[in-house]
Amino acid sequence: MRKIRRPVLVILTAAITAGVTLNLPAAEAEAPAAQPVTVIELYYPYEPAYTSEMDVSWHEWQPIGKAAGVIPVALLDLAEEYNISPVYAAAVFVLETGWGSSSAWLNKHNPAGIRCGDRYCR
């Protein structure tokens, strides 16, 4: 059996690949026709995420110091005003302030830690 040299093998491989790849009319004929897609709204906000009639339990979280009595009420007010879950609001507050221990919250009353100058963050 005779060995095929590398350049010949490369040319044969390229020719076969090009013949398969560039056979566009046959490939297009085999492809299914495009179907129209209808976007369906998956989330129907029939009920707000929070209303003042809902019972919310704060479980073991008992804020102390500046946050005591203010943060839960403020989060409930925000939840009702912006129609979000108070649990989500509490989670964001806890994440951003490190359970109320961040210097941005303690010194500047800035729970989100958004950078701003002394003119606005006092």
PDB file of N, CA and C in Angstrom:
ATOM      1  N   MET A   1       0.836  -1.172   0.000  1.00  0.00           N
ATOM      2  CA  MET A   1       0.000   0.000   0.000  1.00  0.00           C
ATOM      3  C   MET A   1       0.881   1.234   0.000  1.00  0.00           C
ATOM      4  N   ARG A   2       0.516   2.137  -0.831  1.00  0.00           N
ATOM      5  CA  ARG A   2       1.309   3.337  -1.018  1.00  0.00           C
ATOM      6  C   ARG A   2       0.879   4.412  -0.032  1.00  0.00           C
ATOM      7  N   LYS A   3       1.845   5.107   0.561  1.00  0.00           N
ATOM      8  CA  LYS A   3       1.564   6.184   1.511  1.00  0.00           C
ATOM      9  C   LYS A   3       1.169   7.447   0.772  1.00  0.00           C
ATOM     10  N   ILE A   4       0.182   8.138   1.302  1.00  0.00           N
ATOM     11  CA  ILE A   4      -0.201   9.431   0.732  1.00  0.00           C
ATOM     12  C   ILE A   4       0.601  10.496   1.457  1.00  0.00           C
ATOM     13  N   ARG A   5       1.181  11.360   0.705  1.00  0.00           N
ATOM     14  CA  ARG A   5       1.991  12.420   1.305  1.00  0.00           C
ATOM     15  C   ARG A   5       1.100  13.442   1.995  1.00  0.00           C
ATOM     16  N   ARG A   6       1.655  14.106   2.949  1.00  0.00           N
ATOM     17  CA  ARG A   6       0.907  15.066   3.761  1.00  0.00           C
ATOM     18  C   ARG A   6       0.248  16.159   2.926  1.00  0.00           C
ATOM     19  N   PRO A   7       0.948  16.820   1.982  1.00  0.00           N
ATOM     20  CA  PRO A   7       0.280  17.863   1.201  1.00  0.00           C
ATOM     21  C   PRO A   7      -0.922  17.336   0.424  1.00  0.00           C
ATOM     22  N   VAL A   8      -0.823  16.137  -0.089  1.00  0.00           N
ATOM     23  CA  VAL A   8      -1.939  15.554  -0.834  1.00  0.00           C
ATOM     24  C   VAL A   8      -3.097  15.285   0.115  1.00  0.00           C
ATOM     25  N   LEU A   9      -2.793  14.768   1.302  1.00  0.00           N
ATOM     26  CA  LEU A   9      -3.812  14.487   2.306  1.00  0.00           C
ATOM     27  C   LEU A   9      -4.525  15.765   2.738  1.00  0.00           C
ATOM     28  N   VAL A  10      -3.773  16.839   2.916  1.00  0.00           N
ATOM     29  CA  VAL A  10      -4.357  18.127   3.301  1.00  0.00           C
ATOM     30  C   VAL A  10      -5.277  18.634   2.203  1.00  0.00           C
ATOM     31  N   ILE A  11      -4.831  18.524   0.953  1.00  0.00           N
ATOM     32  CA  ILE A  11      -5.651  19.003  -0.171  1.00  0.00           C
ATOM     33  C   ILE A  11      -6.928  18.173  -0.291  1.00  0.00           C
ATOM     34  N   LEU A  12      -6.821  16.851  -0.154  1.00  0.00           N
ATOM     35  CA  LEU A  12      -8.012  15.992  -0.217  1.00  0.00           C
ATOM     36  C   LEU A  12      -8.994  16.314   0.916  1.00  0.00           C
ATOM     37  N   THR A  13      -8.484  16.485   2.108  1.00  0.00           N
ATOM     38  CA  THR A  13      -9.339  16.823   3.257  1.00  0.00           C
ATOM     39  C   THR A  13     -10.023  18.154   3.037  1.00  0.00           C
ATOM     40  N   ALA A  14      -9.268  19.143   2.542  1.00  0.00           N
ATOM     41  CA  ALA A  14      -9.848  20.467   2.290  1.00  0.00           C
ATOM     42  C   ALA A  14     -10.912  20.398   1.205  1.00  0.00           C
ATOM     43  N   ALA A  15     -10.668  19.622   0.165  1.00  0.00           N
ATOM     44  CA  ALA A  15     -11.633  19.517  -0.937  1.00  0.00           C
ATOM     45  C   ALA A  15     -12.915  18.836  -0.470  1.00  0.00           C
ATOM     46  N   ILE A  16     -12.785  17.767   0.311  1.00  0.00           N
ATOM     47  CA  ILE A  16     -13.970  17.063   0.817  1.00  0.00           C
ATOM     48  C   ILE A  16     -14.750  17.960   1.775  1.00  0.00           C
ATOM     49  N   THR A  17     -14.037  18.625   2.677  1.00  0.00           N
ATOM     50  CA  THR A  17     -14.688  19.522   3.636  1.00  0.00           C
ATOM     51  C   THR A  17     -15.377  20.661   2.922  1.00  0.00           C
ATOM     52  N   ALA A  18     -14.713  21.258   1.937  1.00  0.00           N
ATOM     53  CA  ALA A  18     -15.315  22.364   1.188  1.00  0.00           C
ATOM     54  C   ALA A  18     -16.534  21.885   0.426  1.00  0.00           C
ATOM     55  N   GLY A  19     -16.468  20.684  -0.129  1.00  0.00           N
ATOM     56  CA  GLY A  19     -17.614  20.149  -0.855  1.00  0.00           C
ATOM     57  C   GLY A  19     -18.811  19.942   0.055  1.00  0.00           C
ATOM     58  N   VAL A  20     -18.580  19.482   1.266  1.00  0.00           N
ATOM     59  CA  VAL A  20     -19.677  19.274   2.216  1.00  0.00           C
ATOM     60  C   VAL A  20     -20.164  20.605   2.766  1.00  0.00           C
ATOM     61  N   THR A  21     -19.227  21.467   3.157  1.00  0.00           N
ATOM     62  CA  THR A  21     -19.587  22.734   3.786  1.00  0.00           C
ATOM     63  C   THR A  21     -20.223  23.699   2.805  1.00  0.00           C
ATOM     64  N   LEU A  22     -19.696  23.766   1.588  1.00  0.00           N
ATOM     65  CA  LEU A  22     -20.176  24.746   0.627  1.00  0.00           C
ATOM     66  C   LEU A  22     -21.338  24.247  -0.216  1.00  0.00           C
ATOM     67  N   ASN A  23     -21.893  23.136   0.147  1.00  0.00           N
ATOM     68  CA  ASN A  23     -23.047  22.612  -0.567  1.00  0.00           C
ATOM     69  C   ASN A  23     -24.296  23.327  -0.039  1.00  0.00           C
ATOM     70  N   LEU A  24     -24.327  24.623  -0.227  1.00  0.00           N
ATOM     71  CA  LEU A  24     -25.375  25.450   0.371  1.00  0.00           C
ATOM     72  C   LEU A  24     -26.775  25.152  -0.139  1.00  0.00           C
ATOM     73  N   PRO A  25     -27.003  25.008  -1.429  1.00  0.00           N
ATOM     74  CA  PRO A  25     -28.380  24.739  -1.856  1.00  0.00           C
ATOM     75  C   PRO A  25     -28.961  23.484  -1.215  1.00  0.00           C
ATOM     76  N   ALA A  26     -28.171  22.420  -1.129  1.00  0.00           N
ATOM     77  CA  ALA A  26     -28.659  21.194  -0.508  1.00  0.00           C
ATOM     78  C   ALA A  26     -28.890  21.401   0.985  1.00  0.00           C
ATOM     79  N   ALA A  27     -27.995  22.131   1.642  1.00  0.00           N
ATOM     80  CA  ALA A  27     -28.134  22.379   3.078  1.00  0.00           C
ATOM     81  C   ALA A  27     -29.360  23.224   3.363  1.00  0.00           C
ATOM     82  N   GLU A  28     -29.604  24.228   2.516  1.00  0.00           N
ATOM     83  CA  GLU A  28     -30.775  25.079   2.721  1.00  0.00           C
ATOM     84  C   GLU A  28     -32.056  24.307   2.459  1.00  0.00           C
ATOM     85  N   ALA A  29     -32.024  23.386   1.510  1.00  0.00           N
ATOM     86  CA  ALA A  29     -33.217  22.609   1.200  1.00  0.00           C
ATOM     87  C   ALA A  29     -33.590  21.693   2.361  1.00  0.00           C
ATOM     88  N   GLU A  30     -32.586  21.234   3.105  1.00  0.00           N
ATOM     89  CA  GLU A  30     -32.838  20.340   4.229  1.00  0.00           C
ATOM     90  C   GLU A  30     -33.279  21.087   5.478  1.00  0.00           C
ATOM     91  N   ALA A  31     -32.949  22.353   5.578  1.00  0.00           N
ATOM     92  CA  ALA A  31     -33.293  23.117   6.781  1.00  0.00           C
ATOM     93  C   ALA A  31     -34.794  23.386   6.820  1.00  0.00           C
ATOM     94  N   PRO A  32     -35.408  23.246   7.983  1.00  0.00           N
ATOM     95  CA  PRO A  32     -36.841  23.530   8.074  1.00  0.00           C
ATOM     96  C   PRO A  32     -37.107  25.021   7.907  1.00  0.00           C
ATOM     97  N   ALA A  33     -38.288  25.328   7.428  1.00  0.00           N
ATOM     98  CA  ALA A  33     -38.662  26.731   7.243  1.00  0.00           C
ATOM     99  C   ALA A  33     -38.768  27.412   8.601  1.00  0.00           C
ATOM    100  N   ALA A  34     -38.413  28.671   8.621  1.00  0.00           N
ATOM    101  CA  ALA A  34     -38.483  29.432   9.869  1.00  0.00           C
ATOM    102  C   ALA A  34     -39.929  29.567  10.314  1.00  0.00           C
ATOM    103  N   GLN A  35     -40.145  29.346  11.601  1.00  0.00           N
ATOM    104  CA  GLN A  35     -41.486  29.448  12.164  1.00  0.00           C
ATOM    105  C   GLN A  35     -41.602  30.758  12.936  1.00  0.00           C
ATOM    106  N   PRO A  36     -42.738  31.436  12.840  1.00  0.00           N
ATOM    107  CA  PRO A  36     -42.900  32.663  13.625  1.00  0.00           C
ATOM    108  C   PRO A  36     -42.932  32.335  15.117  1.00  0.00           C
ATOM    109  N   VAL A  37     -42.356  33.210  15.888  1.00  0.00           N
ATOM    110  CA  VAL A  37     -42.291  33.025  17.331  1.00  0.00           C
ATOM    111  C   VAL A  37     -43.172  34.067  17.989  1.00  0.00           C
ATOM    112  N   THR A  38     -44.005  33.625  18.901  1.00  0.00           N
ATOM    113  CA  THR A  38     -44.866  34.534  19.643  1.00  0.00           C
ATOM    114  C   THR A  38     -44.329  34.651  21.057  1.00  0.00           C
ATOM    115  N   VAL A  39     -44.081  35.848  21.476  1.00  0.00           N
ATOM    116  CA  VAL A  39     -43.592  36.081  22.828  1.00  0.00           C
ATOM    117  C   VAL A  39     -44.798  36.186  23.748  1.00  0.00           C
ATOM    118  N   ILE A  40     -44.795  35.362  24.767  1.00  0.00           N
ATOM    119  CA  ILE A  40     -45.894  35.351  25.726  1.00  0.00           C
ATOM    120  C   ILE A  40     -45.389  35.965  27.020  1.00  0.00           C
ATOM    121  N   GLU A  41     -46.180  36.826  27.599  1.00  0.00           N
ATOM    122  CA  GLU A  41     -45.795  37.406  28.881  1.00  0.00           C
ATOM    123  C   GLU A  41     -45.928  36.315  29.935  1.00  0.00           C
ATOM    124  N   LEU A  42     -44.811  35.957  30.541  1.00  0.00           N
ATOM    125  CA  LEU A  42     -44.808  34.853  31.484  1.00  0.00           C
ATOM    126  C   LEU A  42     -45.193  35.278  32.891  1.00  0.00           C
ATOM    127  N   TYR A  43     -45.000  36.524  33.221  1.00  0.00           N
ATOM    128  CA  TYR A  43     -45.278  36.993  34.573  1.00  0.00           C
ATOM    129  C   TYR A  43     -46.486  37.906  34.539  1.00  0.00           C
ATOM    130  N   TYR A  44     -47.517  37.511  35.186  1.00  0.00           N
ATOM    131  CA  TYR A  44     -48.727  38.319  35.268  1.00  0.00           C
ATOM    132  C   TYR A  44     -48.870  38.816  36.698  1.00  0.00           C
ATOM    133  N   PRO A  45     -48.559  40.061  36.941  1.00  0.00           N
ATOM    134  CA  PRO A  45     -48.632  40.565  38.316  1.00  0.00           C
ATOM    135  C   PRO A  45     -50.081  40.842  38.742  1.00  0.00           C
ATOM    136  N   TYR A  46     -50.859  39.769  38.907  1.00  0.00           N
ATOM    137  CA  TYR A  46     -52.239  39.948  39.340  1.00  0.00           C
ATOM    138  C   TYR A  46     -52.293  40.520  40.754  1.00  0.00           C
ATOM    139  N   GLU A  47     -51.378  40.070  41.580  1.00  0.00           N
ATOM    140  CA  GLU A  47     -51.322  40.570  42.949  1.00  0.00           C
ATOM    141  C   GLU A  47     -50.012  41.311  43.136  1.00  0.00           C
ATOM    142  N   PRO A  48     -50.024  42.390  43.889  1.00  0.00           N
ATOM    143  CA  PRO A  48     -48.756  43.064  44.177  1.00  0.00           C
ATOM    144  C   PRO A  48     -47.882  42.165  45.042  1.00  0.00           C
ATOM    145  N   ALA A  49     -46.581  42.387  44.979  1.00  0.00           N
ATOM    146  CA  ALA A  49     -45.662  41.578  45.765  1.00  0.00           C
ATOM    147  C   ALA A  49     -45.877  41.797  47.255  1.00  0.00           C
ATOM    148  N   TYR A  50     -46.356  42.960  47.626  1.00  0.00           N
ATOM    149  CA  TYR A  50     -46.589  43.234  49.044  1.00  0.00           C
ATOM    150  C   TYR A  50     -47.696  44.257  49.191  1.00  0.00           C
ATOM    151  N   THR A  51     -48.552  44.040  50.141  1.00  0.00           N
ATOM    152  CA  THR A  51     -49.536  45.042  50.555  1.00  0.00           C
ATOM    153  C   THR A  51     -49.525  45.103  52.066  1.00  0.00           C
ATOM    154  N   SER A  52     -50.045  46.160  52.622  1.00  0.00           N
ATOM    155  CA  SER A  52     -50.002  46.340  54.072  1.00  0.00           C
ATOM    156  C   SER A  52     -50.842  45.299  54.807  1.00  0.00           C
ATOM    157  N   GLU A  53     -51.737  44.595  54.105  1.00  0.00           N
ATOM    158  CA  GLU A  53     -52.549  43.569  54.752  1.00  0.00           C
ATOM    159  C   GLU A  53     -51.798  42.253  54.937  1.00  0.00           C
ATOM    160  N   MET A  54     -50.668  42.089  54.249  1.00  0.00           N
ATOM    161  CA  MET A  54     -49.920  40.840  54.343  1.00  0.00           C
ATOM    162  C   MET A  54     -49.179  40.772  55.667  1.00  0.00           C
ATOM    163  N   ASP A  55     -49.072  39.562  56.194  1.00  0.00           N
ATOM    164  CA  ASP A  55     -48.357  39.343  57.444  1.00  0.00           C
ATOM    165  C   ASP A  55     -46.903  39.030  57.112  1.00  0.00           C
ATOM    166  N   VAL A  56     -46.002  39.799  57.680  1.00  0.00           N
ATOM    167  CA  VAL A  56     -44.575  39.602  57.431  1.00  0.00           C
ATOM    168  C   VAL A  56     -43.900  39.330  58.759  1.00  0.00           C
ATOM    169  N   SER A  57     -43.181  38.234  58.830  1.00  0.00           N
ATOM    170  CA  SER A  57     -42.477  37.876  60.050  1.00  0.00           C
ATOM    171  C   SER A  57     -40.997  38.185  59.867  1.00  0.00           C
ATOM    172  N   TRP A  58     -40.430  38.825  60.852  1.00  0.00           N
ATOM    173  CA  TRP A  58     -39.010  39.170  60.778  1.00  0.00           C
ATOM    174  C   TRP A  58     -38.150  38.105  61.429  1.00  0.00           C
ATOM    175  N   HIS A  59     -38.748  37.043  61.887  1.00  0.00           N
ATOM    176  CA  HIS A  59     -38.066  35.907  62.493  1.00  0.00           C
ATOM    177  C   HIS A  59     -37.109  36.368  63.587  1.00  0.00           C
ATOM    178  N   GLU A  60     -35.861  35.969  63.470  1.00  0.00           N
ATOM    179  CA  GLU A  60     -34.890  36.238  64.530  1.00  0.00           C
ATOM    180  C   GLU A  60     -34.197  37.587  64.406  1.00  0.00           C
ATOM    181  N   TRP A  61     -34.414  38.299  63.334  1.00  0.00           N
ATOM    182  CA  TRP A  61     -33.686  39.552  63.144  1.00  0.00           C
ATOM    183  C   TRP A  61     -34.267  40.624  64.042  1.00  0.00           C
ATOM    184  N   GLN A  62     -33.511  41.015  65.030  1.00  0.00           N
ATOM    185  CA  GLN A  62     -33.910  42.078  65.941  1.00  0.00           C
ATOM    186  C   GLN A  62     -32.857  43.176  65.847  1.00  0.00           C
ATOM    187  N   PRO A  63     -33.065  44.157  64.991  1.00  0.00           N
ATOM    188  CA  PRO A  63     -32.057  45.202  64.838  1.00  0.00           C
ATOM    189  C   PRO A  63     -31.863  45.967  66.135  1.00  0.00           C
ATOM    190  N   ILE A  64     -30.636  46.410  66.331  1.00  0.00           N
ATOM    191  CA  ILE A  64     -30.320  47.182  67.534  1.00  0.00           C
ATOM    192  C   ILE A  64     -29.772  48.531  67.109  1.00  0.00           C
ATOM    193  N   GLY A  65     -29.666  49.429  68.040  1.00  0.00           N
ATOM    194  CA  GLY A  65     -29.099  50.745  67.762  1.00  0.00           C
ATOM    195  C   GLY A  65     -29.972  51.548  66.832  1.00  0.00           C
ATOM    196  N   LYS A  66     -29.335  52.193  65.866  1.00  0.00           N
ATOM    197  CA  LYS A  66     -30.029  53.089  64.944  1.00  0.00           C
ATOM    198  C   LYS A  66     -31.111  52.360  64.150  1.00  0.00           C
ATOM    199  N   ALA A  67     -30.893  51.101  63.851  1.00  0.00           N
ATOM    200  CA  ALA A  67     -31.834  50.359  63.016  1.00  0.00           C
ATOM    201  C   ALA A  67     -33.057  49.865  63.781  1.00  0.00           C
ATOM    202  N   ALA A  68     -32.987  49.816  65.113  1.00  0.00           N
ATOM    203  CA  ALA A  68     -34.087  49.250  65.900  1.00  0.00           C
ATOM    204  C   ALA A  68     -35.377  50.027  65.670  1.00  0.00           C
ATOM    205  N   GLY A  69     -36.398  49.327  65.269  1.00  0.00           N
ATOM    206  CA  GLY A  69     -37.711  49.923  65.103  1.00  0.00           C
ATOM    207  C   GLY A  69     -37.870  50.774  63.860  1.00  0.00           C
ATOM    208  N   VAL A  70     -36.777  51.166  63.238  1.00  0.00           N
ATOM    209  CA  VAL A  70     -36.858  52.039  62.069  1.00  0.00           C
ATOM    210  C   VAL A  70     -36.771  51.227  60.789  1.00  0.00           C
ATOM    211  N   ILE A  71     -35.795  50.350  60.714  1.00  0.00           N
ATOM    212  CA  ILE A  71     -35.546  49.612  59.482  1.00  0.00           C
ATOM    213  C   ILE A  71     -36.721  48.721  59.093  1.00  0.00           C
ATOM    214  N   PRO A  72     -37.269  47.880  59.985  1.00  0.00           N
ATOM    215  CA  PRO A  72     -38.407  47.059  59.545  1.00  0.00           C
ATOM    216  C   PRO A  72     -39.578  47.894  59.045  1.00  0.00           C
ATOM    217  N   VAL A  73     -39.889  48.966  59.730  1.00  0.00           N
ATOM    218  CA  VAL A  73     -40.999  49.823  59.307  1.00  0.00           C
ATOM    219  C   VAL A  73     -40.665  50.489  57.975  1.00  0.00           C
ATOM    220  N   ALA A  74     -39.444  50.981  57.835  1.00  0.00           N
ATOM    221  CA  ALA A  74     -39.034  51.628  56.584  1.00  0.00           C
ATOM    222  C   ALA A  74     -39.072  50.639  55.423  1.00  0.00           C
ATOM    223  N   LEU A  75     -38.629  49.406  55.668  1.00  0.00           N
ATOM    224  CA  LEU A  75     -38.647  48.405  54.606  1.00  0.00           C
ATOM    225  C   LEU A  75     -40.076  48.042  54.216  1.00  0.00           C
ATOM    226  N   LEU A  76     -40.963  47.968  55.184  1.00  0.00           N
ATOM    227  CA  LEU A  76     -42.369  47.687  54.869  1.00  0.00           C
ATOM    228  C   LEU A  76     -42.983  48.834  54.079  1.00  0.00           C
ATOM    229  N   ASP A  77     -42.641  50.064  54.459  1.00  0.00           N
ATOM    230  CA  ASP A  77     -43.149  51.225  53.717  1.00  0.00           C
ATOM    231  C   ASP A  77     -42.634  51.224  52.277  1.00  0.00           C
ATOM    232  N   LEU A  78     -41.333  50.959  52.119  1.00  0.00           N
ATOM    233  CA  LEU A  78     -40.749  50.908  50.776  1.00  0.00           C
ATOM    234  C   LEU A  78     -41.371  49.787  49.947  1.00  0.00           C
ATOM    235  N   ALA A  79     -41.574  48.649  50.587  1.00  0.00           N
ATOM    236  CA  ALA A  79     -42.150  47.511  49.873  1.00  0.00           C
ATOM    237  C   ALA A  79     -43.542  47.845  49.355  1.00  0.00           C
ATOM    238  N   GLU A  80     -44.327  48.508  50.184  1.00  0.00           N
ATOM    239  CA  GLU A  80     -45.676  48.854  49.742  1.00  0.00           C
ATOM    240  C   GLU A  80     -45.645  49.945  48.676  1.00  0.00           C
ATOM    241  N   GLU A  81     -44.778  50.939  48.868  1.00  0.00           N
ATOM    242  CA  GLU A  81     -44.714  52.053  47.915  1.00  0.00           C
ATOM    243  C   GLU A  81     -44.260  51.602  46.533  1.00  0.00           C
ATOM    244  N   TYR A  82     -43.233  50.745  46.498  1.00  0.00           N
ATOM    245  CA  TYR A  82     -42.660  50.337  45.212  1.00  0.00           C
ATOM    246  C   TYR A  82     -43.149  48.967  44.743  1.00  0.00           C
ATOM    247  N   ASN A  83     -44.080  48.375  45.485  1.00  0.00           N
ATOM    248  CA  ASN A  83     -44.671  47.097  45.113  1.00  0.00           C
ATOM    249  C   ASN A  83     -43.608  46.004  44.963  1.00  0.00           C
ATOM    250  N   ILE A  84     -42.744  45.899  45.975  1.00  0.00           N
ATOM    251  CA  ILE A  84     -41.729  44.851  46.004  1.00  0.00           C
ATOM    252  C   ILE A  84     -41.900  44.053  47.285  1.00  0.00           C
ATOM    253  N   SER A  85     -41.267  42.935  47.349  1.00  0.00           N
ATOM    254  CA  SER A  85     -41.333  42.092  48.535  1.00  0.00           C
ATOM    255  C   SER A  85     -40.501  42.722  49.649  1.00  0.00           C
ATOM    256  N   PRO A  86     -41.025  42.814  50.880  1.00  0.00           N
ATOM    257  CA  PRO A  86     -40.218  43.343  51.979  1.00  0.00           C
ATOM    258  C   PRO A  86     -39.033  42.439  52.289  1.00  0.00           C
ATOM    259  N   VAL A  87     -39.156  41.165  51.996  1.00  0.00           N
ATOM    260  CA  VAL A  87     -38.035  40.247  52.194  1.00  0.00           C
ATOM    261  C   VAL A  87     -36.904  40.611  51.239  1.00  0.00           C
ATOM    262  N   TYR A  88     -37.248  40.958  50.003  1.00  0.00           N
ATOM    263  CA  TYR A  88     -36.245  41.399  49.028  1.00  0.00           C
ATOM    264  C   TYR A  88     -35.594  42.695  49.503  1.00  0.00           C
ATOM    265  N   ALA A  89     -36.400  43.637  49.968  1.00  0.00           N
ATOM    266  CA  ALA A  89     -35.852  44.910  50.451  1.00  0.00           C
ATOM    267  C   ALA A  89     -34.919  44.672  51.634  1.00  0.00           C
ATOM    268  N   ALA A  90     -35.317  43.788  52.542  1.00  0.00           N
ATOM    269  CA  ALA A  90     -34.469  43.477  53.695  1.00  0.00           C
ATOM    270  C   ALA A  90     -33.176  42.806  53.248  1.00  0.00           C
ATOM    271  N   ALA A  91     -33.276  41.901  52.273  1.00  0.00           N
ATOM    272  CA  ALA A  91     -32.079  41.211  51.783  1.00  0.00           C
ATOM    273  C   ALA A  91     -31.095  42.191  51.161  1.00  0.00           C
ATOM    274  N   VAL A  92     -31.592  43.144  50.393  1.00  0.00           N
ATOM    275  CA  VAL A  92     -30.716  44.156  49.790  1.00  0.00           C
ATOM    276  C   VAL A  92     -30.081  45.004  50.881  1.00  0.00           C
ATOM    277  N   PHE A  93     -30.876  45.420  51.868  1.00  0.00           N
ATOM    278  CA  PHE A  93     -30.329  46.224  52.963  1.00  0.00           C
ATOM    279  C   PHE A  93     -29.234  45.456  53.697  1.00  0.00           C
ATOM    280  N   VAL A  94     -29.512  44.184  54.034  1.00  0.00           N
ATOM    281  CA  VAL A  94     -28.537  43.369  54.760  1.00  0.00           C
ATOM    282  C   VAL A  94     -27.270  43.195  53.940  1.00  0.00           C
ATOM    283  N   LEU A  95     -27.420  42.914  52.646  1.00  0.00           N
ATOM    284  CA  LEU A  95     -26.262  42.717  51.779  1.00  0.00           C
ATOM    285  C   LEU A  95     -25.426  43.985  51.662  1.00  0.00           C
ATOM    286  N   GLU A  96     -26.095  45.102  51.419  1.00  0.00           N
ATOM    287  CA  GLU A  96     -25.374  46.348  51.164  1.00  0.00           C
ATOM    288  C   GLU A  96     -24.752  46.954  52.420  1.00  0.00           C
ATOM    289  N   THR A  97     -25.343  46.712  53.586  1.00  0.00           N
ATOM    290  CA  THR A  97     -24.832  47.351  54.800  1.00  0.00           C
ATOM    291  C   THR A  97     -24.077  46.404  55.707  1.00  0.00           C
ATOM    292  N   GLY A  98     -24.023  45.118  55.358  1.00  0.00           N
ATOM    293  CA  GLY A  98     -23.366  44.160  56.242  1.00  0.00           C
ATOM    294  C   GLY A  98     -24.081  44.078  57.577  1.00  0.00           C
ATOM    295  N   TRP A  99     -25.391  43.895  57.516  1.00  0.00           N
ATOM    296  CA  TRP A  99     -26.250  43.867  58.705  1.00  0.00           C
ATOM    297  C   TRP A  99     -26.185  45.180  59.459  1.00  0.00           C
ATOM    298  N   GLY A 100     -26.060  46.266  58.757  1.00  0.00           N
ATOM    299  CA  GLY A 100     -26.074  47.586  59.385  1.00  0.00           C
ATOM    300  C   GLY A 100     -24.746  47.990  59.993  1.00  0.00           C
ATOM    301  N   SER A 101     -23.677  47.288  59.630  1.00  0.00           N
ATOM    302  CA  SER A 101     -22.383  47.578  60.247  1.00  0.00           C
ATOM    303  C   SER A 101     -21.421  48.321  59.329  1.00  0.00           C
ATOM    304  N   SER A 102     -21.807  48.625  58.095  1.00  0.00           N
ATOM    305  CA  SER A 102     -20.882  49.299  57.180  1.00  0.00           C
ATOM    306  C   SER A 102     -20.686  50.753  57.594  1.00  0.00           C
ATOM    307  N   SER A 103     -19.507  51.268  57.329  1.00  0.00           N
ATOM    308  CA  SER A 103     -19.218  52.662  57.687  1.00  0.00           C
ATOM    309  C   SER A 103     -20.071  53.625  56.874  1.00  0.00           C
ATOM    310  N   ALA A 104     -20.414  53.254  55.644  1.00  0.00           N
ATOM    311  CA  ALA A 104     -21.280  54.124  54.834  1.00  0.00           C
ATOM    312  C   ALA A 104     -22.637  54.289  55.508  1.00  0.00           C
ATOM    313  N   TRP A 105     -23.133  53.220  56.108  1.00  0.00           N
ATOM    314  CA  TRP A 105     -24.424  53.296  56.793  1.00  0.00           C
ATOM    315  C   TRP A 105     -24.283  53.999  58.138  1.00  0.00           C
ATOM    316  N   LEU A 106     -23.270  53.629  58.905  1.00  0.00           N
ATOM    317  CA  LEU A 106     -23.123  54.182  60.252  1.00  0.00           C
ATOM    318  C   LEU A 106     -22.745  55.657  60.242  1.00  0.00           C
ATOM    319  N   ASN A 107     -21.857  56.057  59.347  1.00  0.00           N
ATOM    320  CA  ASN A 107     -21.363  57.438  59.361  1.00  0.00           C
ATOM    321  C   ASN A 107     -22.130  58.373  58.431  1.00  0.00           C
ATOM    322  N   LYS A 108     -22.596  57.853  57.315  1.00  0.00           N
ATOM    323  CA  LYS A 108     -23.202  58.718  56.301  1.00  0.00           C
ATOM    324  C   LYS A 108     -24.689  58.433  56.069  1.00  0.00           C
ATOM    325  N   HIS A 109     -25.250  57.455  56.795  1.00  0.00           N
ATOM    326  CA  HIS A 109     -26.661  57.082  56.607  1.00  0.00           C
ATOM    327  C   HIS A 109     -26.923  56.717  55.143  1.00  0.00           C
ATOM    328  N   ASN A 110     -25.980  56.007  54.568  1.00  0.00           N
ATOM    329  CA  ASN A 110     -26.032  55.656  53.152  1.00  0.00           C
ATOM    330  C   ASN A 110     -26.115  54.128  53.040  1.00  0.00           C
ATOM    331  N   PRO A 111     -27.326  53.549  53.070  1.00  0.00           N
ATOM    332  CA  PRO A 111     -27.430  52.092  53.110  1.00  0.00           C
ATOM    333  C   PRO A 111     -26.921  51.388  51.864  1.00  0.00           C
ATOM    334  N   ALA A 112     -26.960  52.014  50.732  1.00  0.00           N
ATOM    335  CA  ALA A 112     -26.527  51.349  49.509  1.00  0.00           C
ATOM    336  C   ALA A 112     -25.033  51.506  49.261  1.00  0.00           C
ATOM    337  N   GLY A 113     -24.361  52.343  50.022  1.00  0.00           N
ATOM    338  CA  GLY A 113     -22.940  52.552  49.813  1.00  0.00           C
ATOM    339  C   GLY A 113     -22.629  53.267  48.517  1.00  0.00           C
ATOM    340  N   ILE A 114     -23.594  54.024  48.007  1.00  0.00           N
ATOM    341  CA  ILE A 114     -23.383  54.761  46.766  1.00  0.00           C
ATOM    342  C   ILE A 114     -22.413  55.897  47.054  1.00  0.00           C
ATOM    343  N   ARG A 115     -21.430  56.043  46.205  1.00  0.00           N
ATOM    344  CA  ARG A 115     -20.431  57.089  46.432  1.00  0.00           C
ATOM    345  C   ARG A 115     -21.031  58.463  46.189  1.00  0.00           C
ATOM    346  N   CYS A 116     -20.863  59.302  47.156  1.00  0.00           N
ATOM    347  CA  CYS A 116     -21.298  60.685  47.008  1.00  0.00           C
ATOM    348  C   CYS A 116     -20.491  61.535  47.979  1.00  0.00           C
ATOM    349  N   GLY A 117     -20.427  62.804  47.684  1.00  0.00           N
ATOM    350  CA  GLY A 117     -19.630  63.707  48.499  1.00  0.00           C
ATOM    351  C   GLY A 117     -20.321  64.083  49.798  1.00  0.00           C
ATOM    352  N   ASP A 118     -19.581  64.787  50.654  1.00  0.00           N
ATOM    353  CA  ASP A 118     -20.127  65.203  51.943  1.00  0.00           C
ATOM    354  C   ASP A 118     -21.323  66.127  51.780  1.00  0.00           C
ATOM    355  N   ARG A 119     -21.425  66.768  50.638  1.00  0.00           N
ATOM    356  CA  ARG A 119     -22.553  67.674  50.415  1.00  0.00           C
ATOM    357  C   ARG A 119     -23.887  66.925  50.481  1.00  0.00           C
ATOM    358  N   TYR A 120     -23.894  65.670  50.009  1.00  0.00           N
ATOM    359  CA  TYR A 120     -25.136  64.910  49.961  1.00  0.00           C
ATOM    360  C   TYR A 120     -25.225  63.827  51.026  1.00  0.00           C
ATOM    361  N   CYS A 121     -24.114  63.244  51.423  1.00  0.00           N
ATOM    362  CA  CYS A 121     -24.116  62.148  52.406  1.00  0.00           C
ATOM    363  C   CYS A 121     -23.658  62.678  53.749  1.00  0.00           C
ATOM    364  N   ARG A 122     -24.592  63.030  54.567  1.00  0.00           N
ATOM    365  CA  ARG A 122     -24.235  63.558  55.899  1.00  0.00           C
ATOM    366  C   ARG A 122     -24.736  62.663  56.978  1.00  0.00           C
TER     367      ARG A 122
END
